[in-house]
């Protein structure tokens, strides 16, 4: 367990770890949705103040990488 910089941050603990995700995208109205899967990793950063999520996968035949906090 990481020391958390603010009260309530422990609720983010469930997002820490390694995950396999499935994502559905609707590029335009009336177009069939595209489904894709990939890997995501969540880790505490900045002294336990934030969780960084890094996603890697493929969308439309192209490699995809995303980062979220």
Protein backbone atom coordinates (compact mmCIF):
# COMPACT_ATOMS: atom_id res chain seq x y z
CA UNK A 1 0.00 0.00 0.00
CA UNK A 2 1.23 3.46 -0.90
CA UNK A 3 1.03 6.46 1.41
CA UNK A 4 -1.64 8.75 -0.04
CA UNK A 5 -1.22 12.50 -0.14
CA UNK A 6 -4.91 13.24 0.41
CA UNK A 7 -7.86 11.68 2.12
CA UNK A 8 -9.92 9.39 -0.11
CA UNK A 9 -7.09 8.54 -2.51
CA UNK A 10 -7.15 4.92 -1.35
CA UNK A 11 -10.31 4.49 -3.45
CA UNK A 12 -8.05 4.63 -6.52
CA UNK A 13 -6.15 1.53 -5.36
CA UNK A 14 -8.52 -0.71 -7.37
CA UNK A 15 -7.14 0.84 -10.60
CA UNK A 16 -3.53 -0.10 -9.78
CA UNK A 17 -2.19 -3.22 -11.48
CA UNK A 18 -2.16 -4.88 -14.88
CA UNK A 19 -5.37 -5.29 -16.87
CA UNK A 20 -6.71 -6.55 -20.18
CA UNK A 21 -9.38 -4.26 -21.57
CA UNK A 22 -12.03 -4.38 -24.29
CA UNK A 23 -13.02 -1.09 -25.89
CA UNK A 24 -15.88 -0.29 -28.28
CA UNK A 25 -15.58 2.77 -30.56
CA UNK A 26 -18.31 4.39 -32.63
CA UNK A 27 -16.37 6.48 -35.19
CA UNK A 28 -19.46 8.06 -36.80
CA UNK A 29 -23.22 7.91 -36.44
CA UNK A 30 -24.60 5.03 -38.48
CA UNK A 31 -21.24 3.22 -38.76
CA UNK A 32 -20.83 -0.18 -37.13
CA UNK A 33 -18.85 -0.01 -33.88
CA UNK A 34 -15.27 -1.24 -33.81
CA UNK A 35 -14.17 -3.45 -30.92
CA UNK A 36 -10.59 -3.77 -29.81
CA UNK A 37 -8.65 -5.19 -26.87
CA UNK A 38 -5.36 -4.30 -25.26
CA UNK A 39 -3.33 -4.13 -22.08
CA UNK A 40 -3.45 -1.43 -19.39
CA UNK A 41 -1.16 -0.77 -16.44
CA UNK A 42 -2.00 1.46 -13.47
CA UNK A 43 0.62 2.72 -11.01
CA UNK A 44 0.87 5.32 -8.26
CA UNK A 45 2.91 8.39 -9.23
CA UNK A 46 3.91 11.74 -7.71
CA UNK A 47 4.13 10.49 -4.17
CA UNK A 48 0.79 8.71 -4.15
CA UNK A 49 -1.19 11.70 -5.39
CA UNK A 50 -2.20 10.28 -8.78
CA UNK A 51 -2.61 6.96 -10.60
CA UNK A 52 -1.13 6.89 -14.10
CA UNK A 53 -2.85 4.53 -16.55
CA UNK A 54 -0.95 3.45 -19.66
CA UNK A 55 -2.95 1.65 -22.36
CA UNK A 56 -1.54 -0.24 -25.33
CA UNK A 57 -3.49 -1.94 -28.06
CA UNK A 58 -4.57 -1.72 -31.67
CA UNK A 59 -7.30 0.41 -33.28
CA UNK A 60 -8.18 0.04 -36.94
CA UNK A 61 -5.07 -2.02 -37.60
CA UNK A 62 -2.79 0.67 -36.12
CA UNK A 63 -0.90 0.50 -32.83
CA UNK A 64 -2.42 2.64 -30.09
CA UNK A 65 -0.91 3.96 -26.86
CA UNK A 66 -2.72 6.19 -24.40
CA UNK A 67 -1.90 7.74 -21.05
CA UNK A 68 -4.39 8.97 -18.47
CA UNK A 69 -4.22 10.31 -14.91
